[in-house]
N, C-alpha and C. Protein backbone atom coordinates (compact mmCIF):
# COMPACT_ATOMS: atom_id res chain seq x y z
N MET A 1 0.84 -1.17 0.00
CA MET A 1 0.00 0.00 0.00
C MET A 1 0.88 1.23 0.00
N GLY A 2 0.43 2.26 -0.65
CA GLY A 2 1.14 3.52 -0.69
C GLY A 2 0.15 4.67 -0.55
N ILE A 3 0.65 5.81 -0.16
CA ILE A 3 -0.19 6.99 0.02
C ILE A 3 0.39 8.13 -0.80
N VAL A 4 -0.41 8.66 -1.70
CA VAL A 4 -0.01 9.82 -2.51
C VAL A 4 -0.01 11.05 -1.60
N VAL A 5 1.05 11.84 -1.67
CA VAL A 5 1.18 12.98 -0.75
C VAL A 5 1.31 14.32 -1.46
N ASN A 6 0.93 14.36 -2.75
CA ASN A 6 1.05 15.64 -3.45
C ASN A 6 -0.20 15.99 -4.27
N GLN A 7 -1.33 15.37 -3.96
CA GLN A 7 -2.56 15.66 -4.69
C GLN A 7 -3.66 16.10 -3.72
N PRO A 8 -4.20 17.30 -3.88
CA PRO A 8 -5.26 17.73 -2.97
C PRO A 8 -6.53 16.91 -3.17
N ALA A 9 -7.26 16.72 -2.09
CA ALA A 9 -8.55 16.03 -2.15
C ALA A 9 -9.63 17.03 -2.56
N ARG A 10 -10.76 16.50 -2.97
CA ARG A 10 -11.88 17.39 -3.29
C ARG A 10 -12.32 18.16 -2.05
N VAL A 11 -12.35 17.48 -0.90
CA VAL A 11 -12.63 18.14 0.37
C VAL A 11 -11.29 18.63 0.88
N ARG A 12 -11.05 19.92 0.79
CA ARG A 12 -9.72 20.44 1.13
C ARG A 12 -9.64 21.02 2.53
N ASN A 13 -10.76 21.26 3.16
CA ASN A 13 -10.77 21.97 4.42
C ASN A 13 -10.90 20.97 5.57
N PHE A 14 -9.85 20.84 6.36
CA PHE A 14 -9.83 19.89 7.47
C PHE A 14 -10.93 20.17 8.50
N PRO A 15 -11.15 21.42 8.94
CA PRO A 15 -12.24 21.67 9.89
C PRO A 15 -13.61 21.25 9.34
N ASP A 16 -13.86 21.49 8.05
CA ASP A 16 -15.13 21.04 7.47
C ASP A 16 -15.26 19.53 7.55
N LEU A 17 -14.15 18.83 7.34
CA LEU A 17 -14.16 17.37 7.41
C LEU A 17 -14.44 16.91 8.84
N LEU A 18 -13.88 17.59 9.83
CA LEU A 18 -14.15 17.24 11.22
C LEU A 18 -15.64 17.39 11.55
N VAL A 19 -16.26 18.41 11.01
CA VAL A 19 -17.71 18.60 11.22
C VAL A 19 -18.48 17.50 10.49
N GLN A 20 -18.11 17.23 9.25
CA GLN A 20 -18.79 16.21 8.44
C GLN A 20 -18.72 14.84 9.12
N LEU A 21 -17.59 14.52 9.74
CA LEU A 21 -17.42 13.23 10.41
C LEU A 21 -17.96 13.24 11.84
N GLN A 22 -18.53 14.35 12.25
CA GLN A 22 -19.10 14.54 13.58
C GLN A 22 -18.07 14.38 14.69
N VAL A 23 -16.83 14.74 14.38
CA VAL A 23 -15.78 14.78 15.39
C VAL A 23 -15.99 16.01 16.26
N ILE A 24 -16.43 17.10 15.62
CA ILE A 24 -16.78 18.32 16.33
C ILE A 24 -18.14 18.80 15.84
N ALA A 25 -18.79 19.61 16.65
CA ALA A 25 -20.04 20.26 16.24
C ALA A 25 -19.70 21.49 15.41
N PRO A 26 -20.58 21.91 14.52
CA PRO A 26 -20.28 23.07 13.66
C PRO A 26 -19.83 24.31 14.44
N GLN A 27 -20.44 24.57 15.58
CA GLN A 27 -20.08 25.77 16.36
C GLN A 27 -18.70 25.67 17.00
N GLU A 28 -18.12 24.46 17.04
CA GLU A 28 -16.79 24.28 17.63
C GLU A 28 -15.66 24.64 16.66
N ARG A 29 -15.99 24.88 15.40
CA ARG A 29 -14.95 25.22 14.41
C ARG A 29 -14.13 26.42 14.84
N ILE A 30 -14.78 27.39 15.45
CA ILE A 30 -14.07 28.62 15.80
C ILE A 30 -13.07 28.41 16.93
N SER A 31 -13.21 27.34 17.70
CA SER A 31 -12.29 27.10 18.82
C SER A 31 -11.23 26.04 18.52
N LEU A 32 -11.13 25.63 17.25
CA LEU A 32 -10.11 24.65 16.89
C LEU A 32 -8.72 25.25 17.04
N PRO A 33 -7.75 24.44 17.46
CA PRO A 33 -6.37 24.95 17.51
C PRO A 33 -5.87 25.29 16.11
N SER A 34 -4.94 26.22 16.01
CA SER A 34 -4.45 26.66 14.70
C SER A 34 -3.83 25.51 13.91
N ARG A 35 -3.22 24.54 14.60
CA ARG A 35 -2.65 23.38 13.89
C ARG A 35 -3.71 22.63 13.10
N ALA A 36 -4.92 22.55 13.65
CA ALA A 36 -6.01 21.85 12.95
C ALA A 36 -6.38 22.58 11.66
N GLU A 37 -6.34 23.88 11.69
CA GLU A 37 -6.66 24.67 10.50
C GLU A 37 -5.64 24.44 9.39
N ASP A 38 -4.40 24.11 9.77
CA ASP A 38 -3.31 23.99 8.81
C ASP A 38 -3.17 22.60 8.18
N ILE A 39 -3.90 21.63 8.66
CA ILE A 39 -3.72 20.27 8.15
C ILE A 39 -4.28 20.15 6.74
N GLN A 40 -3.45 19.67 5.84
CA GLN A 40 -3.87 19.47 4.45
C GLN A 40 -4.65 18.17 4.33
N VAL A 41 -5.69 18.21 3.48
CA VAL A 41 -6.45 17.02 3.16
C VAL A 41 -6.08 16.64 1.73
N LEU A 42 -5.50 15.46 1.56
CA LEU A 42 -4.98 15.03 0.28
C LEU A 42 -5.72 13.82 -0.25
N SER A 43 -5.64 13.62 -1.54
CA SER A 43 -6.15 12.41 -2.18
C SER A 43 -5.03 11.39 -2.11
N GLY A 44 -5.16 10.42 -1.21
CA GLY A 44 -4.10 9.46 -0.97
C GLY A 44 -4.02 8.36 -2.00
N GLY A 45 -5.04 8.23 -2.83
CA GLY A 45 -5.07 7.20 -3.86
C GLY A 45 -6.50 6.79 -4.17
N PRO A 46 -6.67 5.94 -5.17
CA PRO A 46 -8.01 5.60 -5.65
C PRO A 46 -8.74 4.51 -4.86
N VAL A 47 -8.06 3.86 -3.92
CA VAL A 47 -8.67 2.75 -3.19
C VAL A 47 -9.24 3.25 -1.86
N GLN A 48 -10.45 2.87 -1.54
CA GLN A 48 -11.14 3.24 -0.30
C GLN A 48 -11.01 4.73 0.01
N THR A 49 -11.50 5.56 -0.88
CA THR A 49 -11.37 7.01 -0.71
C THR A 49 -12.19 7.55 0.46
N ASP A 50 -13.01 6.71 1.06
CA ASP A 50 -13.76 7.13 2.24
C ASP A 50 -12.99 6.82 3.53
N ARG A 51 -11.80 6.30 3.40
CA ARG A 51 -10.95 5.95 4.55
C ARG A 51 -9.82 6.96 4.66
N GLY A 52 -9.54 7.41 5.88
CA GLY A 52 -8.50 8.40 6.09
C GLY A 52 -7.27 7.83 6.76
N PHE A 53 -6.13 8.35 6.36
CA PHE A 53 -4.83 7.97 6.92
C PHE A 53 -4.11 9.25 7.31
N VAL A 54 -3.73 9.36 8.56
CA VAL A 54 -3.02 10.55 9.01
C VAL A 54 -1.53 10.19 9.11
N LEU A 55 -0.74 10.83 8.26
CA LEU A 55 0.72 10.76 8.36
C LEU A 55 1.11 11.92 9.26
N HIS A 56 1.95 11.63 10.25
CA HIS A 56 2.24 12.68 11.24
C HIS A 56 3.62 12.52 11.85
N SER A 57 4.01 13.56 12.56
CA SER A 57 5.28 13.54 13.29
C SER A 57 5.18 12.53 14.43
N PRO A 58 6.33 12.00 14.86
CA PRO A 58 6.33 10.92 15.85
C PRO A 58 6.06 11.37 17.30
N ASP A 59 5.71 12.63 17.50
CA ASP A 59 5.43 13.12 18.85
C ASP A 59 4.04 12.74 19.34
N PHE A 60 3.30 12.00 18.54
CA PHE A 60 1.96 11.54 18.91
C PHE A 60 1.92 10.03 18.71
N PHE A 61 1.36 9.32 19.68
CA PHE A 61 1.30 7.86 19.58
C PHE A 61 0.07 7.35 20.31
N LEU A 62 -0.69 6.49 19.63
CA LEU A 62 -1.82 5.80 20.24
C LEU A 62 -1.52 4.31 20.23
N ASP A 63 -1.56 3.69 21.40
CA ASP A 63 -1.34 2.24 21.47
C ASP A 63 -2.31 1.51 20.56
N ASN A 64 -1.81 0.53 19.86
CA ASN A 64 -2.60 -0.32 18.95
C ASN A 64 -3.22 0.44 17.78
N SER A 65 -2.78 1.68 17.53
CA SER A 65 -3.32 2.45 16.41
C SER A 65 -2.24 3.12 15.57
N THR A 66 -1.15 3.54 16.21
CA THR A 66 -0.11 4.28 15.50
C THR A 66 0.99 3.33 15.05
N LEU A 67 1.37 3.48 13.79
CA LEU A 67 2.43 2.69 13.19
C LEU A 67 3.62 3.60 12.89
N PRO A 68 4.75 3.44 13.60
CA PRO A 68 5.93 4.23 13.24
C PRO A 68 6.44 3.78 11.86
N ILE A 69 6.59 4.72 10.94
CA ILE A 69 7.10 4.42 9.60
C ILE A 69 8.63 4.48 9.61
N ASP A 70 9.17 5.53 10.20
CA ASP A 70 10.60 5.68 10.42
C ASP A 70 10.78 6.66 11.57
N ASP A 71 11.99 7.18 11.77
CA ASP A 71 12.24 8.07 12.91
C ASP A 71 11.45 9.38 12.84
N GLY A 72 11.04 9.81 11.66
CA GLY A 72 10.40 11.11 11.53
C GLY A 72 8.94 11.08 11.13
N VAL A 73 8.38 9.90 10.86
CA VAL A 73 7.01 9.82 10.35
C VAL A 73 6.29 8.62 10.97
N SER A 74 5.05 8.86 11.38
CA SER A 74 4.17 7.79 11.87
C SER A 74 2.86 7.87 11.12
N LEU A 75 2.07 6.80 11.22
CA LEU A 75 0.76 6.74 10.57
C LEU A 75 -0.27 6.27 11.58
N THR A 76 -1.37 6.98 11.64
CA THR A 76 -2.50 6.58 12.47
C THR A 76 -3.76 6.68 11.61
N ALA A 77 -4.57 5.63 11.64
CA ALA A 77 -5.74 5.59 10.76
C ALA A 77 -7.04 5.38 11.55
N THR A 78 -7.09 5.89 12.77
CA THR A 78 -8.32 5.81 13.54
C THR A 78 -8.86 7.21 13.79
N ILE A 79 -10.13 7.30 14.07
CA ILE A 79 -10.76 8.60 14.31
C ILE A 79 -10.23 9.26 15.58
N ASP A 80 -9.59 8.45 16.45
CA ASP A 80 -9.05 9.00 17.69
C ASP A 80 -8.02 10.09 17.44
N ILE A 81 -7.25 9.98 16.38
CA ILE A 81 -6.25 11.02 16.10
C ILE A 81 -6.95 12.32 15.66
N LEU A 82 -8.07 12.20 14.97
CA LEU A 82 -8.82 13.40 14.58
C LEU A 82 -9.37 14.10 15.82
N ARG A 83 -9.86 13.32 16.77
CA ARG A 83 -10.35 13.89 18.03
C ARG A 83 -9.21 14.58 18.79
N ALA A 84 -8.04 13.94 18.80
CA ALA A 84 -6.88 14.53 19.49
C ALA A 84 -6.46 15.84 18.83
N ILE A 85 -6.44 15.87 17.52
CA ILE A 85 -6.08 17.09 16.80
C ILE A 85 -7.08 18.20 17.12
N ALA A 86 -8.37 17.87 17.10
CA ALA A 86 -9.41 18.86 17.38
C ALA A 86 -9.31 19.40 18.80
N ALA A 87 -8.83 18.56 19.72
CA ALA A 87 -8.70 18.98 21.13
C ALA A 87 -7.36 19.66 21.41
N GLY A 88 -6.48 19.73 20.41
CA GLY A 88 -5.18 20.36 20.59
C GLY A 88 -4.13 19.44 21.16
N HIS A 89 -4.39 18.12 21.16
CA HIS A 89 -3.44 17.16 21.71
C HIS A 89 -2.81 16.29 20.63
N GLY A 90 -2.98 16.65 19.39
CA GLY A 90 -2.48 15.85 18.28
C GLY A 90 -1.01 16.10 18.00
N PRO A 91 -0.53 15.54 16.91
CA PRO A 91 0.88 15.69 16.54
C PRO A 91 1.21 17.12 16.13
N ASP A 92 2.48 17.43 16.21
CA ASP A 92 2.95 18.76 15.81
C ASP A 92 2.73 19.01 14.32
N ARG A 93 3.01 17.98 13.49
CA ARG A 93 2.83 18.09 12.04
C ARG A 93 2.02 16.90 11.55
N ALA A 94 1.11 17.16 10.62
CA ALA A 94 0.28 16.06 10.12
C ALA A 94 -0.34 16.43 8.78
N LEU A 95 -0.72 15.40 8.04
CA LEU A 95 -1.54 15.56 6.85
C LEU A 95 -2.52 14.39 6.84
N LEU A 96 -3.68 14.62 6.25
CA LEU A 96 -4.70 13.58 6.16
C LEU A 96 -4.86 13.18 4.70
N ALA A 97 -4.67 11.91 4.43
CA ALA A 97 -4.84 11.39 3.07
C ALA A 97 -6.11 10.55 3.04
N LEU A 98 -6.98 10.86 2.09
CA LEU A 98 -8.20 10.07 1.90
C LEU A 98 -7.94 9.06 0.80
N GLY A 99 -7.99 7.77 1.15
CA GLY A 99 -7.72 6.70 0.20
C GLY A 99 -6.25 6.34 0.18
N TYR A 100 -5.95 5.32 -0.63
CA TYR A 100 -4.58 4.86 -0.77
C TYR A 100 -4.41 4.20 -2.14
N ALA A 101 -3.17 3.91 -2.49
CA ALA A 101 -2.86 3.16 -3.71
C ALA A 101 -2.49 1.75 -3.29
N GLY A 102 -2.88 0.78 -4.06
CA GLY A 102 -2.58 -0.60 -3.70
C GLY A 102 -2.12 -1.41 -4.90
N TRP A 103 -1.42 -2.49 -4.61
CA TRP A 103 -0.89 -3.38 -5.63
C TRP A 103 -1.19 -4.82 -5.25
N ASP A 104 -1.28 -5.68 -6.24
CA ASP A 104 -1.40 -7.12 -5.98
C ASP A 104 -0.06 -7.64 -5.49
N ALA A 105 -0.06 -8.83 -4.92
CA ALA A 105 1.17 -9.44 -4.42
C ALA A 105 2.21 -9.51 -5.53
N GLY A 106 3.40 -8.98 -5.26
CA GLY A 106 4.50 -9.01 -6.20
C GLY A 106 4.47 -7.94 -7.29
N GLN A 107 3.34 -7.27 -7.46
CA GLN A 107 3.21 -6.28 -8.53
C GLN A 107 4.16 -5.10 -8.35
N LEU A 108 4.23 -4.55 -7.16
CA LEU A 108 5.10 -3.40 -6.93
C LEU A 108 6.57 -3.78 -7.13
N GLU A 109 6.95 -4.95 -6.61
CA GLU A 109 8.33 -5.40 -6.78
C GLU A 109 8.68 -5.54 -8.25
N GLU A 110 7.74 -6.07 -9.03
CA GLU A 110 7.96 -6.21 -10.47
C GLU A 110 8.10 -4.85 -11.15
N GLU A 111 7.28 -3.90 -10.76
CA GLU A 111 7.36 -2.56 -11.33
C GLU A 111 8.70 -1.90 -10.98
N ILE A 112 9.19 -2.14 -9.78
CA ILE A 112 10.48 -1.58 -9.37
C ILE A 112 11.60 -2.21 -10.20
N GLN A 113 11.54 -3.53 -10.40
CA GLN A 113 12.56 -4.21 -11.20
C GLN A 113 12.56 -3.73 -12.65
N ARG A 114 11.42 -3.31 -13.15
CA ARG A 114 11.33 -2.80 -14.53
C ARG A 114 11.67 -1.31 -14.60
N ASN A 115 12.22 -0.77 -13.53
CA ASN A 115 12.56 0.65 -13.46
C ASN A 115 11.34 1.56 -13.58
N GLY A 116 10.22 1.08 -13.08
CA GLY A 116 9.01 1.89 -13.12
C GLY A 116 8.89 2.87 -11.97
N TRP A 117 9.78 2.78 -11.01
CA TRP A 117 9.73 3.63 -9.83
C TRP A 117 11.11 4.20 -9.52
N LEU A 118 11.11 5.40 -9.02
CA LEU A 118 12.29 5.99 -8.39
C LEU A 118 11.91 6.16 -6.93
N ASN A 119 12.83 5.96 -6.03
CA ASN A 119 12.51 6.19 -4.62
C ASN A 119 13.60 7.05 -4.00
N CYS A 120 13.21 7.71 -2.93
CA CYS A 120 14.14 8.57 -2.22
C CYS A 120 13.96 8.35 -0.73
N PRO A 121 14.95 8.73 0.05
CA PRO A 121 14.82 8.60 1.50
C PRO A 121 13.65 9.46 2.01
N SER A 122 13.05 9.01 3.07
CA SER A 122 11.97 9.77 3.70
C SER A 122 12.51 11.11 4.20
N ASP A 123 11.76 12.15 3.96
CA ASP A 123 12.14 13.49 4.40
C ASP A 123 10.91 14.17 4.98
N PRO A 124 10.76 14.19 6.31
CA PRO A 124 9.57 14.80 6.90
C PRO A 124 9.37 16.26 6.49
N ALA A 125 10.45 17.00 6.28
CA ALA A 125 10.31 18.39 5.85
C ALA A 125 9.60 18.46 4.50
N LEU A 126 9.94 17.57 3.60
CA LEU A 126 9.30 17.53 2.29
C LEU A 126 7.88 16.96 2.40
N LEU A 127 7.72 15.91 3.17
CA LEU A 127 6.42 15.27 3.32
C LEU A 127 5.36 16.24 3.83
N PHE A 128 5.69 17.01 4.86
CA PHE A 128 4.72 17.90 5.48
C PHE A 128 4.69 19.29 4.88
N ASP A 129 5.52 19.54 3.88
CA ASP A 129 5.52 20.84 3.20
C ASP A 129 4.19 21.06 2.49
N ARG A 130 3.68 22.25 2.54
CA ARG A 130 2.35 22.56 1.97
C ARG A 130 2.38 22.83 0.47
N ASP A 131 3.56 23.01 -0.12
CA ASP A 131 3.66 23.31 -1.54
C ASP A 131 3.52 22.02 -2.36
N LEU A 132 2.29 21.65 -2.67
CA LEU A 132 2.03 20.39 -3.36
C LEU A 132 2.50 20.41 -4.81
N GLU A 133 2.45 21.56 -5.45
CA GLU A 133 2.77 21.64 -6.88
C GLU A 133 4.22 21.30 -7.19
N THR A 134 5.12 21.56 -6.26
CA THR A 134 6.54 21.30 -6.53
C THR A 134 7.09 20.11 -5.74
N LYS A 135 6.25 19.46 -4.96
CA LYS A 135 6.73 18.37 -4.08
C LYS A 135 7.37 17.24 -4.88
N TYR A 136 6.75 16.82 -5.98
CA TYR A 136 7.28 15.73 -6.80
C TYR A 136 8.66 16.09 -7.36
N ALA A 137 8.77 17.27 -7.93
CA ALA A 137 10.05 17.70 -8.51
C ALA A 137 11.12 17.82 -7.43
N ARG A 138 10.75 18.30 -6.25
CA ARG A 138 11.73 18.42 -5.17
C ARG A 138 12.17 17.05 -4.67
N ALA A 139 11.26 16.08 -4.64
CA ALA A 139 11.63 14.71 -4.25
C ALA A 139 12.62 14.13 -5.25
N LEU A 140 12.36 14.35 -6.54
CA LEU A 140 13.29 13.87 -7.57
C LEU A 140 14.65 14.53 -7.42
N ARG A 141 14.65 15.83 -7.23
CA ARG A 141 15.92 16.54 -7.09
C ARG A 141 16.71 16.06 -5.88
N SER A 142 16.00 15.59 -4.84
CA SER A 142 16.70 15.12 -3.63
C SER A 142 17.55 13.88 -3.91
N ILE A 143 17.28 13.17 -5.01
CA ILE A 143 18.10 12.01 -5.40
C ILE A 143 18.90 12.30 -6.66
N GLY A 144 19.01 13.60 -6.99
CA GLY A 144 19.85 13.99 -8.12
C GLY A 144 19.20 13.84 -9.48
N VAL A 145 17.88 13.78 -9.54
CA VAL A 145 17.19 13.62 -10.82
C VAL A 145 16.55 14.94 -11.22
N ASP A 146 16.84 15.37 -12.43
CA ASP A 146 16.22 16.56 -12.99
C ASP A 146 14.93 16.12 -13.68
N PRO A 147 13.75 16.52 -13.16
CA PRO A 147 12.49 16.06 -13.74
C PRO A 147 12.32 16.44 -15.21
N GLU A 148 12.99 17.47 -15.65
CA GLU A 148 12.90 17.89 -17.05
C GLU A 148 13.60 16.91 -17.98
N ARG A 149 14.49 16.11 -17.42
CA ARG A 149 15.27 15.19 -18.25
C ARG A 149 14.78 13.74 -18.20
N LEU A 150 13.66 13.52 -17.51
CA LEU A 150 13.12 12.16 -17.42
C LEU A 150 12.49 11.75 -18.74
N SER A 151 12.65 10.50 -19.08
CA SER A 151 12.04 9.93 -20.27
C SER A 151 10.88 9.04 -19.86
N SER A 152 9.90 8.93 -20.71
CA SER A 152 8.78 8.04 -20.41
C SER A 152 9.12 6.58 -20.74
N ASN A 153 10.28 6.35 -21.33
CA ASN A 153 10.72 4.99 -21.68
C ASN A 153 11.69 4.47 -20.62
N ALA A 154 11.45 3.28 -20.11
CA ALA A 154 12.34 2.66 -19.14
C ALA A 154 13.33 1.75 -19.85
N GLY A 155 14.43 1.50 -19.20
CA GLY A 155 15.43 0.61 -19.77
C GLY A 155 16.37 0.11 -18.71
N HIS A 156 17.27 -0.76 -19.11
CA HIS A 156 18.26 -1.30 -18.19
C HIS A 156 19.65 -1.03 -18.77
N ALA A 157 20.55 -0.58 -17.92
CA ALA A 157 21.91 -0.32 -18.39
C ALA A 157 22.79 -1.50 -18.10
């Protein structure tokens, strides 16, 4: 499973989503912490778009709910993290992805072997950056790839 982190969702306003999910009442929007106002809502992929995944800084952890991805990023996919964010007890940095991308067994590995993917080290600064339009190009540049020079044809050297 993978989560797209550079595509905005149709529902872009996190406080509106909290009201829609009945995490908060409409009148509580005005008392949300500023961090809640800043959380981006992204289209995480085409599978289960009604399901949310919160990628966040590791300063927040729920037993049996939070999965540490690496030293700088964790994932929580329960409504409890939304309640914590609304109450001001959530992570320092976070984004909410609606849906995910998925592959059949062995499919992703095969795509990687065919040079269908480039990967780069995790970078929380890039992950949580709000500039979605340049995030892909900046990720490529972080591994020394100029996006202007990419070819749509794969090959093996």
